PDB file of N, CA and C in Angstrom:
ATOM      1  N   MET A   1     -21.535 -36.233 -12.670  1.00  0.00           N
ATOM      2  CA  MET A   1     -21.781 -35.920 -11.375  1.00  0.00           C
ATOM      3  C   MET A   1     -20.847 -35.281 -10.140  1.00  0.00           C
ATOM      4  N   ALA A   2     -19.655 -36.615 -10.036  1.00  0.00           N
ATOM      5  CA  ALA A   2     -18.586 -35.891  -9.112  1.00  0.00           C
ATOM      6  C   ALA A   2     -17.681 -34.737  -9.542  1.00  0.00           C
ATOM      7  N   GLU A   3     -17.619 -34.903 -10.989  1.00  0.00           N
ATOM      8  CA  GLU A   3     -16.607 -33.801 -11.584  1.00  0.00           C
ATOM      9  C   GLU A   3     -17.162 -32.732 -11.251  1.00  0.00           C
ATOM     10  N   GLN A   4     -18.800 -32.533 -11.299  1.00  0.00           N
ATOM     11  CA  GLN A   4     -19.247 -30.909 -11.476  1.00  0.00           C
ATOM     12  C   GLN A   4     -18.901 -30.748  -9.594  1.00  0.00           C
ATOM     13  N   ASN A   5     -18.449 -31.331  -8.688  1.00  0.00           N
ATOM     14  CA  ASN A   5     -18.711 -31.114  -7.365  1.00  0.00           C
ATOM     15  C   ASN A   5     -17.198 -30.580  -7.163  1.00  0.00           C
ATOM     16  N   LEU A   6     -16.106 -30.819  -7.659  1.00  0.00           N
ATOM     17  CA  LEU A   6     -14.786 -30.656  -7.932  1.00  0.00           C
ATOM     18  C   LEU A   6     -14.631 -29.222  -8.077  1.00  0.00           C
ATOM     19  N   ARG A   7     -13.688 -28.741  -7.380  1.00  0.00           N
ATOM     20  CA  ARG A   7     -13.133 -27.366  -7.199  1.00  0.00           C
ATOM     21  C   ARG A   7     -12.178 -27.328  -8.609  1.00  0.00           C
ATOM     22  N   THR A   8     -12.511 -26.111  -9.653  1.00  0.00           N
ATOM     23  CA  THR A   8     -11.322 -26.206 -10.246  1.00  0.00           C
ATOM     24  C   THR A   8     -10.244 -25.254  -9.850  1.00  0.00           C
ATOM     25  N   PRO A   9      -8.816 -25.237 -10.289  1.00  0.00           N
ATOM     26  CA  PRO A   9      -8.049 -24.642  -9.525  1.00  0.00           C
ATOM     27  C   PRO A   9      -8.266 -23.138  -9.187  1.00  0.00           C
ATOM     28  N   GLY A  10      -8.517 -22.712 -10.368  1.00  0.00           N
ATOM     29  CA  GLY A  10      -8.875 -20.764 -10.757  1.00  0.00           C
ATOM     30  C   GLY A  10     -10.433 -20.703  -9.675  1.00  0.00           C
ATOM     31  N   ARG A  11     -10.610 -19.517  -9.228  1.00  0.00           N
ATOM     32  CA  ARG A  11     -11.547 -19.541  -8.880  1.00  0.00           C
ATOM     33  C   ARG A  11     -12.564 -18.858  -9.541  1.00  0.00           C
ATOM     34  N   SER A  12     -13.956 -18.373  -9.411  1.00  0.00           N
ATOM     35  CA  SER A  12     -14.949 -18.021 -10.194  1.00  0.00           C
ATOM     36  C   SER A  12     -14.804 -16.692  -9.956  1.00  0.00           C
ATOM     37  N   ARG A  13     -15.308 -16.052 -10.940  1.00  0.00           N
ATOM     38  CA  ARG A  13     -15.453 -14.545 -10.944  1.00  0.00           C
ATOM     39  C   ARG A  13     -16.024 -13.645  -9.713  1.00  0.00           C
ATOM     40  N   THR A  14     -16.830 -14.170  -9.144  1.00  0.00           N
ATOM     41  CA  THR A  14     -17.116 -13.483  -8.060  1.00  0.00           C
ATOM     42  C   THR A  14     -16.693 -13.812  -6.577  1.00  0.00           C
ATOM     43  N   GLY A  15     -16.339 -14.795  -6.798  1.00  0.00           N
ATOM     44  CA  GLY A  15     -14.965 -15.395  -5.528  1.00  0.00           C
ATOM     45  C   GLY A  15     -13.799 -14.528  -5.706  1.00  0.00           C
ATOM     46  N   ARG A  16     -13.125 -14.189  -6.805  1.00  0.00           N
ATOM     47  CA  ARG A  16     -12.036 -13.590  -7.130  1.00  0.00           C
ATOM     48  C   ARG A  16     -12.373 -11.871  -6.590  1.00  0.00           C
ATOM     49  N   LEU A  17     -13.649 -11.990  -6.827  1.00  0.00           N
ATOM     50  CA  LEU A  17     -13.666 -10.258  -6.606  1.00  0.00           C
ATOM     51  C   LEU A  17     -14.028 -10.072  -5.220  1.00  0.00           C
ATOM     52  N   ARG A  18     -14.697 -11.053  -4.787  1.00  0.00           N
ATOM     53  CA  ARG A  18     -14.660 -11.028  -3.074  1.00  0.00           C
ATOM     54  C   ARG A  18     -13.733 -10.963  -2.306  1.00  0.00           C
ATOM     55  N   VAL A  19     -12.654 -11.919  -2.823  1.00  0.00           N
ATOM     56  CA  VAL A  19     -11.304 -11.751  -2.295  1.00  0.00           C
ATOM     57  C   VAL A  19     -10.579 -10.441  -2.265  1.00  0.00           C
ATOM     58  N   PHE A  20     -10.655  -9.925  -3.853  1.00  0.00           N
ATOM     59  CA  PHE A  20      -9.993  -8.744  -3.805  1.00  0.00           C
ATOM     60  C   PHE A  20     -10.746  -7.365  -3.134  1.00  0.00           C
ATOM     61  N   ASN A  21     -12.082  -7.448  -2.988  1.00  0.00           N
ATOM     62  CA  ASN A  21     -12.431  -6.758  -2.221  1.00  0.00           C
ATOM     63  C   ASN A  21     -12.186  -6.784  -0.803  1.00  0.00           C
ATOM     64  N   ARG A  22     -11.747  -8.040  -0.230  1.00  0.00           N
ATOM     65  CA  ARG A  22     -11.308  -7.963   1.129  1.00  0.00           C
ATOM     66  C   ARG A  22     -10.039  -7.511   1.463  1.00  0.00           C
ATOM     67  N   ALA A  23      -9.096  -7.857   0.528  1.00  0.00           N
ATOM     68  CA  ALA A  23      -7.941  -7.476   0.444  1.00  0.00           C
ATOM     69  C   ALA A  23      -7.759  -5.644   0.676  1.00  0.00           C
ATOM     70  N   LEU A  24      -8.385  -5.366  -0.726  1.00  0.00           N
ATOM     71  CA  LEU A  24      -8.810  -3.723  -0.582  1.00  0.00           C
ATOM     72  C   LEU A  24      -9.095  -3.328   0.573  1.00  0.00           C
ATOM     73  N   TRP A  25     -10.021  -3.838   1.509  1.00  0.00           N
ATOM     74  CA  TRP A  25     -10.376  -3.055   2.654  1.00  0.00           C
ATOM     75  C   TRP A  25      -9.423  -3.318   3.806  1.00  0.00           C
ATOM     76  N   ARG A  26      -8.610  -4.347   3.758  1.00  0.00           N
ATOM     77  CA  ARG A  26      -7.705  -4.417   4.871  1.00  0.00           C
ATOM     78  C   ARG A  26      -6.518  -3.561   4.581  1.00  0.00           C
ATOM     79  N   LYS A  27      -6.027  -3.632   3.162  1.00  0.00           N
ATOM     80  CA  LYS A  27      -4.891  -2.450   2.832  1.00  0.00           C
ATOM     81  C   LYS A  27      -5.711  -0.892   3.400  1.00  0.00           C
ATOM     82  N   TRP A  28      -6.926  -0.540   3.025  1.00  0.00           N
ATOM     83  CA  TRP A  28      -7.373   0.824   3.020  1.00  0.00           C
ATOM     84  C   TRP A  28      -7.209   0.737   4.872  1.00  0.00           C
ATOM     85  N   SER A  29      -7.757  -0.161   5.368  1.00  0.00           N
ATOM     86  CA  SER A  29      -8.001   0.220   6.826  1.00  0.00           C
ATOM     87  C   SER A  29      -6.529   0.285   7.621  1.00  0.00           C
ATOM     88  N   LYS A  30      -5.731  -0.644   7.149  1.00  0.00           N
ATOM     89  CA  LYS A  30      -4.415  -0.617   8.009  1.00  0.00           C
ATOM     90  C   LYS A  30      -3.487   0.520   7.668  1.00  0.00           C
ATOM     91  N   PHE A  31      -3.454   0.997   6.210  1.00  0.00           N
ATOM     92  CA  PHE A  31      -2.995   1.955   6.101  1.00  0.00           C
ATOM     93  C   PHE A  31      -3.184   3.242   6.334  1.00  0.00           C
ATOM     94  N   THR A  32      -4.819   3.176   6.334  1.00  0.00           N
ATOM     95  CA  THR A  32      -5.394   4.846   6.410  1.00  0.00           C
ATOM     96  C   THR A  32      -5.160   5.306   7.976  1.00  0.00           C
ATOM     97  N   VAL A  33      -5.637   4.607   8.598  1.00  0.00           N
ATOM     98  CA  VAL A  33      -5.373   4.517  10.102  1.00  0.00           C
ATOM     99  C   VAL A  33      -4.191   4.449  10.793  1.00  0.00           C
ATOM    100  N   SER A  34      -3.022   3.840  10.246  1.00  0.00           N
ATOM    101  CA  SER A  34      -1.482   4.185  10.970  1.00  0.00           C
ATOM    102  C   SER A  34      -1.042   5.466  10.194  1.00  0.00           C
ATOM    103  N   GLY A  35      -1.867   5.690   8.929  1.00  0.00           N
ATOM    104  CA  GLY A  35      -1.375   6.827   8.296  1.00  0.00           C
ATOM    105  C   GLY A  35      -1.489   8.308   9.122  1.00  0.00           C
ATOM    106  N   LEU A  36      -2.658   8.131   9.455  1.00  0.00           N
ATOM    107  CA  LEU A  36      -3.263   8.896  10.533  1.00  0.00           C
ATOM    108  C   LEU A  36      -2.641   9.335  11.790  1.00  0.00           C
ATOM    109  N   ILE A  37      -2.268   8.363  12.304  1.00  0.00           N
ATOM    110  CA  ILE A  37      -1.309   8.133  13.891  1.00  0.00           C
ATOM    111  C   ILE A  37      -0.271   8.637  13.140  1.00  0.00           C
ATOM    112  N   PHE A  38       0.404   8.220  12.387  1.00  0.00           N
ATOM    113  CA  PHE A  38       1.964   9.024  12.077  1.00  0.00           C
ATOM    114  C   PHE A  38       1.737  10.299  11.786  1.00  0.00           C
ATOM    115  N   ILE A  39       0.740  10.984  11.428  1.00  0.00           N
ATOM    116  CA  ILE A  39       0.633  12.396  11.154  1.00  0.00           C
ATOM    117  C   ILE A  39       0.247  13.060  12.573  1.00  0.00           C
ATOM    118  N   ILE A  40      -0.676  12.533  13.374  1.00  0.00           N
ATOM    119  CA  ILE A  40      -0.821  13.246  14.456  1.00  0.00           C
ATOM    120  C   ILE A  40       0.535  13.293  15.338  1.00  0.00           C
ATOM    121  N   VAL A  41       0.938  12.244  15.449  1.00  0.00           N
ATOM    122  CA  VAL A  41       2.366  11.936  16.105  1.00  0.00           C
ATOM    123  C   VAL A  41       3.349  12.759  15.900  1.00  0.00           C
ATOM    124  N   GLY A  42       3.433  12.943  14.558  1.00  0.00           N
ATOM    125  CA  GLY A  42       4.631  14.168  13.850  1.00  0.00           C
ATOM    126  C   GLY A  42       3.923  15.472  14.127  1.00  0.00           C
ATOM    127  N   ILE A  43       2.616  16.090  13.865  1.00  0.00           N
ATOM    128  CA  ILE A  43       2.419  17.469  14.343  1.00  0.00           C
ATOM    129  C   ILE A  43       2.712  17.325  15.997  1.00  0.00           C
ATOM    130  N   VAL A  44       2.510  16.425  17.000  1.00  0.00           N
ATOM    131  CA  VAL A  44       2.948  16.692  18.194  1.00  0.00           C
ATOM    132  C   VAL A  44       4.247  16.723  18.377  1.00  0.00           C
ATOM    133  N   VAL A  45       5.334  16.063  17.806  1.00  0.00           N
ATOM    134  CA  VAL A  45       6.522  16.217  17.884  1.00  0.00           C
ATOM    135  C   VAL A  45       7.044  17.515  17.583  1.00  0.00           C
ATOM    136  N   ILE A  46       6.435  18.003  16.476  1.00  0.00           N
ATOM    137  CA  ILE A  46       6.932  19.835  15.904  1.00  0.00           C
ATOM    138  C   ILE A  46       6.237  20.664  16.640  1.00  0.00           C
ATOM    139  N   ILE A  47       4.942  20.306  17.388  1.00  0.00           N
ATOM    140  CA  ILE A  47       4.475  21.396  18.418  1.00  0.00           C
ATOM    141  C   ILE A  47       5.464  21.476  19.665  1.00  0.00           C
ATOM    142  N   ILE A  48       5.966  20.189  20.022  1.00  0.00           N
ATOM    143  CA  ILE A  48       6.627  20.231  21.271  1.00  0.00           C
ATOM    144  C   ILE A  48       8.191  20.654  21.016  1.00  0.00           C
ATOM    145  N   GLY A  49       8.483  20.663  19.573  1.00  0.00           N
ATOM    146  CA  GLY A  49       9.840  21.468  19.275  1.00  0.00           C
ATOM    147  C   GLY A  49      10.010  22.650  19.245  1.00  0.00           C
ATOM    148  N   ALA A  50       8.482  23.142  18.414  1.00  0.00           N
ATOM    149  CA  ALA A  50       8.341  24.371  18.587  1.00  0.00           C
ATOM    150  C   ALA A  50       8.430  25.339  20.121  1.00  0.00           C
ATOM    151  N   LEU A  51       7.761  24.370  21.002  1.00  0.00           N
ATOM    152  CA  LEU A  51       7.947  25.105  22.240  1.00  0.00           C
ATOM    153  C   LEU A  51       8.891  24.844  23.254  1.00  0.00           C
ATOM    154  N   LEU A  52      10.009  24.605  22.524  1.00  0.00           N
ATOM    155  CA  LEU A  52      11.121  24.728  23.448  1.00  0.00           C
ATOM    156  C   LEU A  52      11.848  25.895  23.629  1.00  0.00           C
ATOM    157  N   ASN A  53      11.663  26.452  22.512  1.00  0.00           N
ATOM    158  CA  ASN A  53      12.419  27.910  22.504  1.00  0.00           C
ATOM    159  C   ASN A  53      14.175  27.622  22.778  1.00  0.00           C
ATOM    160  N   THR A  54      14.584  27.014  22.477  1.00  0.00           N
ATOM    161  CA  THR A  54      16.118  26.675  22.928  1.00  0.00           C
ATOM    162  C   THR A  54      17.090  27.137  22.016  1.00  0.00           C
ATOM    163  N   GLY A  55      17.043  27.233  20.613  1.00  0.00           N
ATOM    164  CA  GLY A  55      17.796  28.016  19.395  1.00  0.00           C
ATOM    165  C   GLY A  55      17.789  26.932  18.541  1.00  0.00           C
ATOM    166  N   ALA A  56      18.320  27.156  17.292  1.00  0.00           N
ATOM    167  CA  ALA A  56      18.339  27.048  16.070  1.00  0.00           C
ATOM    168  C   ALA A  56      19.186  25.116  15.999  1.00  0.00           C
ATOM    169  N   TYR A  57      20.203  25.202  16.447  1.00  0.00           N
ATOM    170  CA  TYR A  57      20.935  24.099  16.507  1.00  0.00           C
ATOM    171  C   TYR A  57      20.922  23.316  17.741  1.00  0.00           C
ATOM    172  N   SER A  58      19.790  23.035  18.198  1.00  0.00           N
ATOM    173  CA  SER A  58      19.686  22.184  19.357  1.00  0.00           C
ATOM    174  C   SER A  58      18.603  21.211  19.515  1.00  0.00           C
ATOM    175  N   ALA A  59      17.866  20.629  20.418  1.00  0.00           N
ATOM    176  CA  ALA A  59      16.636  19.773  20.465  1.00  0.00           C
ATOM    177  C   ALA A  59      15.628  20.455  19.751  1.00  0.00           C
ATOM    178  N   GLU A  60      15.348  21.442  19.852  1.00  0.00           N
ATOM    179  CA  GLU A  60      14.307  22.188  19.067  1.00  0.00           C
ATOM    180  C   GLU A  60      14.236  22.071  17.248  1.00  0.00           C
ATOM    181  N   GLY A  61      15.481  22.257  16.910  1.00  0.00           N
ATOM    182  CA  GLY A  61      15.453  22.088  15.397  1.00  0.00           C
ATOM    183  C   GLY A  61      15.382  20.431  15.295  1.00  0.00           C
ATOM    184  N   LEU A  62      15.961  19.466  16.052  1.00  0.00           N
ATOM    185  CA  LEU A  62      15.893  17.972  16.019  1.00  0.00           C
ATOM    186  C   LEU A  62      14.457  17.758  16.001  1.00  0.00           C
ATOM    187  N   LEU A  63      14.051  18.082  16.963  1.00  0.00           N
ATOM    188  CA  LEU A  63      12.344  17.756  16.933  1.00  0.00           C
ATOM    189  C   LEU A  63      11.460  18.111  15.734  1.00  0.00           C
ATOM    190  N   ILE A  64      11.613  19.373  15.524  1.00  0.00           N
ATOM    191  CA  ILE A  64      11.064  20.024  14.500  1.00  0.00           C
ATOM    192  C   ILE A  64      11.328  19.179  13.318  1.00  0.00           C
ATOM    193  N   GLY A  65      12.360  18.441  12.683  1.00  0.00           N
ATOM    194  CA  GLY A  65      12.987  17.823  11.603  1.00  0.00           C
ATOM    195  C   GLY A  65      12.370  16.482  11.264  1.00  0.00           C
ATOM    196  N   LEU A  66      12.635  15.925  12.948  1.00  0.00           N
ATOM    197  CA  LEU A  66      11.824  14.713  12.721  1.00  0.00           C
ATOM    198  C   LEU A  66      10.291  14.701  12.951  1.00  0.00           C
ATOM    199  N   GLY A  67       9.518  15.615  13.385  1.00  0.00           N
ATOM    200  CA  GLY A  67       8.189  15.478  13.500  1.00  0.00           C
ATOM    201  C   GLY A  67       7.566  15.629  11.921  1.00  0.00           C
ATOM    202  N   ALA A  68       8.692  16.491  11.238  1.00  0.00           N
ATOM    203  CA  ALA A  68       8.369  16.681   9.586  1.00  0.00           C
ATOM    204  C   ALA A  68       8.447  15.609   8.960  1.00  0.00           C
ATOM    205  N   ILE A  69       9.471  14.636   9.408  1.00  0.00           N
ATOM    206  CA  ILE A  69       9.759  13.226   8.864  1.00  0.00           C
ATOM    207  C   ILE A  69       8.569  12.273   9.015  1.00  0.00           C
ATOM    208  N   ILE A  70       8.228  12.546  10.215  1.00  0.00           N
ATOM    209  CA  ILE A  70       6.685  11.566  11.126  1.00  0.00           C
ATOM    210  C   ILE A  70       5.547  11.865  10.002  1.00  0.00           C
ATOM    211  N   VAL A  71       5.484  13.244   9.683  1.00  0.00           N
ATOM    212  CA  VAL A  71       4.438  13.611   9.260  1.00  0.00           C
ATOM    213  C   VAL A  71       4.597  13.359   7.426  1.00  0.00           C
ATOM    214  N   LEU A  72       5.710  13.132   6.793  1.00  0.00           N
ATOM    215  CA  LEU A  72       5.705  12.911   5.537  1.00  0.00           C
ATOM    216  C   LEU A  72       5.273  11.319   5.368  1.00  0.00           C
ATOM    217  N   ILE A  73       6.293  10.536   6.328  1.00  0.00           N
ATOM    218  CA  ILE A  73       5.881   9.076   6.463  1.00  0.00           C
ATOM    219  C   ILE A  73       4.122   8.871   6.405  1.00  0.00           C
ATOM    220  N   GLY A  74       3.470   9.772   7.424  1.00  0.00           N
ATOM    221  CA  GLY A  74       2.260   9.189   7.504  1.00  0.00           C
ATOM    222  C   GLY A  74       1.513   9.729   6.363  1.00  0.00           C
ATOM    223  N   ILE A  75       1.705  10.728   5.586  1.00  0.00           N
ATOM    224  CA  ILE A  75       0.945  10.959   4.187  1.00  0.00           C
ATOM    225  C   ILE A  75       1.496  10.101   3.270  1.00  0.00           C
ATOM    226  N   VAL A  76       2.734   9.429   3.164  1.00  0.00           N
ATOM    227  CA  VAL A  76       2.676   8.551   1.958  1.00  0.00           C
ATOM    228  C   VAL A  76       1.968   7.343   2.489  1.00  0.00           C
ATOM    229  N   ARG A  77       2.033   6.964   3.812  1.00  0.00           N
ATOM    230  CA  ARG A  77       0.906   5.632   4.248  1.00  0.00           C
ATOM    231  C   ARG A  77      -0.569   6.009   3.690  1.00  0.00           C
ATOM    232  N   LEU A  78      -0.987   7.207   3.896  1.00  0.00           N
ATOM    233  CA  LEU A  78      -2.354   7.826   3.583  1.00  0.00           C
ATOM    234  C   LEU A  78      -2.692   7.520   2.231  1.00  0.00           C
ATOM    235  N   LEU A  79      -1.625   8.053   1.468  1.00  0.00           N
ATOM    236  CA  LEU A  79      -1.440   7.849  -0.171  1.00  0.00           C
ATOM    237  C   LEU A  79      -1.642   6.471  -0.330  1.00  0.00           C
ATOM    238  N   ILE A  80      -0.735   5.334   0.617  1.00  0.00           N
ATOM    239  CA  ILE A  80      -0.834   3.846  -0.050  1.00  0.00           C
ATOM    240  C   ILE A  80      -2.318   3.313   0.215  1.00  0.00           C
ATOM    241  N   GLY A  81      -2.832   3.677   1.027  1.00  0.00           N
ATOM    242  CA  GLY A  81      -4.233   3.518   1.557  1.00  0.00           C
ATOM    243  C   GLY A  81      -5.386   3.663   0.644  1.00  0.00           C
ATOM    244  N   PHE A  82      -5.170   5.147  -0.102  1.00  0.00           N
ATOM    245  CA  PHE A  82      -6.147   5.595  -0.839  1.00  0.00           C
ATOM    246  C   PHE A  82      -6.052   4.995  -2.056  1.00  0.00           C
ATOM    247  N   ILE A  83      -4.950   4.795  -2.828  1.00  0.00           N
ATOM    248  CA  ILE A  83      -4.477   4.562  -4.183  1.00  0.00           C
ATOM    249  C   ILE A  83      -5.340   3.220  -4.030  1.00  0.00           C
ATOM    250  N   SER A  84      -6.080   2.626  -5.029  1.00  0.00           N
ATOM    251  CA  SER A  84      -6.833   1.398  -5.357  1.00  0.00           C
ATOM    252  C   SER A  84      -6.153   0.907  -6.665  1.00  0.00           C
ATOM    253  N   PRO A  85      -5.731  -0.423  -6.667  1.00  0.00           N
ATOM    254  CA  PRO A  85      -5.195  -1.405  -7.453  1.00  0.00           C
ATOM    255  C   PRO A  85      -6.257  -1.437  -8.338  1.00  0.00           C
ATOM    256  N   SER A  86      -5.648  -2.062  -9.717  1.00  0.00           N
ATOM    257  CA  SER A  86      -6.929  -2.850 -10.645  1.00  0.00           C
ATOM    258  C   SER A  86      -7.732  -3.667  -9.925  1.00  0.00           C
ATOM    259  N   THR A  87      -8.543  -3.936 -10.783  1.00  0.00           N
ATOM    260  CA  THR A  87      -9.900  -4.928 -10.499  1.00  0.00           C
ATOM    261  C   THR A  87      -9.179  -6.299 -11.164  1.00  0.00           C
ATOM    262  N   PRO A  88      -9.545  -7.561 -10.529  1.00  0.00           N
ATOM    263  CA  PRO A  88      -8.745  -8.761 -11.144  1.00  0.00           C
ATOM    264  C   PRO A  88      -9.516  -8.725 -12.384  1.00  0.00           C
ATOM    265  N   GLU A  89      -9.961  -8.365 -13.012  1.00  0.00           N
ATOM    266  CA  GLU A  89     -10.774  -8.294 -14.548  1.00  0.00           C
ATOM    267  C   GLU A  89      -9.638  -7.565 -15.283  1.00  0.00           C
ATOM    268  N   ASP A  90      -9.117  -6.545 -14.763  1.00  0.00           N
ATOM    269  CA  ASP A  90      -8.211  -5.666 -15.431  1.00  0.00           C
ATOM    270  C   ASP A  90      -6.967  -6.602 -15.617  1.00  0.00           C
ATOM    271  N   LEU A  91      -6.727  -7.171 -14.524  1.00  0.00           N
ATOM    272  CA  LEU A  91      -5.326  -8.127 -14.782  1.00  0.00           C
ATOM    273  C   LEU A  91      -5.354  -9.056 -15.769  1.00  0.00           C
ATOM    274  N   LEU A  92      -4.039  -9.246 -16.501  1.00  0.00           N
ATOM    275  CA  LEU A  92      -3.901 -10.417 -17.118  1.00  0.00           C
ATOM    276  C   LEU A  92      -3.763 -11.865 -16.389  1.00  0.00           C
ATOM    277  N   PRO A  93      -4.664 -12.699 -17.187  1.00  0.00           N
ATOM    278  CA  PRO A  93      -4.606 -14.380 -16.592  1.00  0.00           C
ATOM    279  C   PRO A  93      -3.329 -14.598 -16.521  1.00  0.00           C
ATOM    280  N   LEU A  94      -3.025 -15.465 -15.817  1.00  0.00           N
ATOM    281  CA  LEU A  94      -1.447 -15.753 -15.140  1.00  0.00           C
ATOM    282  C   LEU A  94      -0.647 -16.763 -16.433  1.00  0.00           C
ATOM    283  N   GLU A  95      -1.830 -17.223 -17.074  1.00  0.00           N
ATOM    284  CA  GLU A  95      -1.082 -18.293 -18.692  1.00  0.00           C
ATOM    285  C   GLU A  95      -0.782 -17.176 -19.478  1.00  0.00           C
ATOM    286  N   GLN A  96      -1.427 -16.128 -19.847  1.00  0.00           N
ATOM    287  CA  GLN A  96      -1.303 -15.061 -20.623  1.00  0.00           C
ATOM    288  C   GLN A  96       0.100 -14.176 -20.265  1.00  0.00           C
ATOM    289  N   GLU A  97       0.005 -14.030 -18.999  1.00  0.00           N
ATOM    290  CA  GLU A  97       1.299 -13.250 -18.599  1.00  0.00           C
ATOM    291  C   GLU A  97       2.582 -13.832 -18.616  1.00  0.00           C
ATOM    292  N   GLU A  98       2.249 -15.430 -18.230  1.00  0.00           N
ATOM    293  CA  GLU A  98       3.726 -16.360 -18.540  1.00  0.00           C
ATOM    294  C   GLU A  98       3.864 -16.280 -20.020  1.00  0.00           C
ATOM    295  N   GLU A  99       3.282 -16.589 -20.843  1.00  0.00           N
ATOM    296  CA  GLU A  99       3.167 -16.362 -22.271  1.00  0.00           C
ATOM    297  C   GLU A  99       3.999 -15.003 -22.548  1.00  0.00           C
ATOM    298  N   LEU A 100       3.602 -13.835 -22.309  1.00  0.00           N
ATOM    299  CA  LEU A 100       4.617 -12.373 -22.621  1.00  0.00           C
ATOM    300  C   LEU A 100       5.704 -12.745 -22.068  1.00  0.00           C
ATOM    301  N   LEU A 101       5.969 -13.191 -20.870  1.00  0.00           N
ATOM    302  CA  LEU A 101       7.355 -13.377 -20.528  1.00  0.00           C
ATOM    303  C   LEU A 101       8.202 -14.149 -21.030  1.00  0.00           C
ATOM    304  N   GLU A 102       7.550 -15.239 -21.308  1.00  0.00           N
ATOM    305  CA  GLU A 102       8.365 -16.256 -22.113  1.00  0.00           C
ATOM    306  C   GLU A 102       8.849 -15.690 -23.817  1.00  0.00           C
ATOM    307  N   ASN A 103       8.088 -15.129 -24.064  1.00  0.00           N
ATOM    308  CA  ASN A 103       8.012 -14.260 -25.410  1.00  0.00           C
ATOM    309  C   ASN A 103       9.278 -13.152 -25.510  1.00  0.00           C
ATOM    310  N   ALA A 104       9.259 -12.534 -24.428  1.00  0.00           N
ATOM    311  CA  ALA A 104      10.094 -11.654 -24.149  1.00  0.00           C
ATOM    312  C   ALA A 104      11.363 -12.241 -23.984  1.00  0.00           C
ATOM    313  N   ARG A 105      11.840 -13.333 -23.343  1.00  0.00           N
ATOM    314  CA  ARG A 105      12.800 -14.167 -23.059  1.00  0.00           C
ATOM    315  C   ARG A 105      13.428 -14.373 -24.555  1.00  0.00           C
ATOM    316  N   VAL A 106      12.536 -15.052 -25.001  1.00  0.00           N
ATOM    317  CA  VAL A 106      12.991 -15.441 -26.431  1.00  0.00           C
ATOM    318  C   VAL A 106      13.357 -14.678 -27.200  1.00  0.00           C
ATOM    319  N   ASP A 107      12.702 -13.307 -27.402  1.00  0.00           N
ATOM    320  CA  ASP A 107      13.126 -12.026 -28.189  1.00  0.00           C
ATOM    321  C   ASP A 107      14.370 -11.756 -27.849  1.00  0.00           C
ATOM    322  N   ASP A 108      15.047 -11.541 -26.292  1.00  0.00           N
ATOM    323  CA  ASP A 108      15.964 -11.070 -25.828  1.00  0.00           C
ATOM    324  C   ASP A 108      17.075 -11.898 -26.310  1.00  0.00           C
ATOM    325  N   ASN A 109      16.885 -12.872 -26.291  1.00  0.00           N
ATOM    326  CA  ASN A 109      18.140 -14.200 -26.703  1.00  0.00           C
ATOM    327  C   ASN A 109      18.507 -14.282 -28.318  1.00  0.00           C
ATOM    328  N   VAL A 110      17.380 -13.684 -28.890  1.00  0.00           N
ATOM    329  CA  VAL A 110      17.744 -13.610 -30.532  1.00  0.00           C
ATOM    330  C   VAL A 110      18.779 -12.500 -30.874  1.00  0.00           C
TER     331      VAL A 110
END
């Protein structure tokens, strides 16, 4: 009876899936919100740079270039937020992964 109450080091399937879904939600919310903020700030910087009308080699060009870089960073953050990793069931268990790494080391040493 006491052994049944003990938790094994590995989590159950539903527990692992629940933790995975929580981590996926946190990643999505963190990167999509910050990506949108970066894109909006970048567009504002580009608009400010375009309204300066001071010349090509001045603060106007610098602000437009900086705004474009900020927008690209925002797009990358959005993509990171939208791309979903594999589910825990698709991943190899830790023991199998360690065996594969050990076999690869042995093959490399031969």
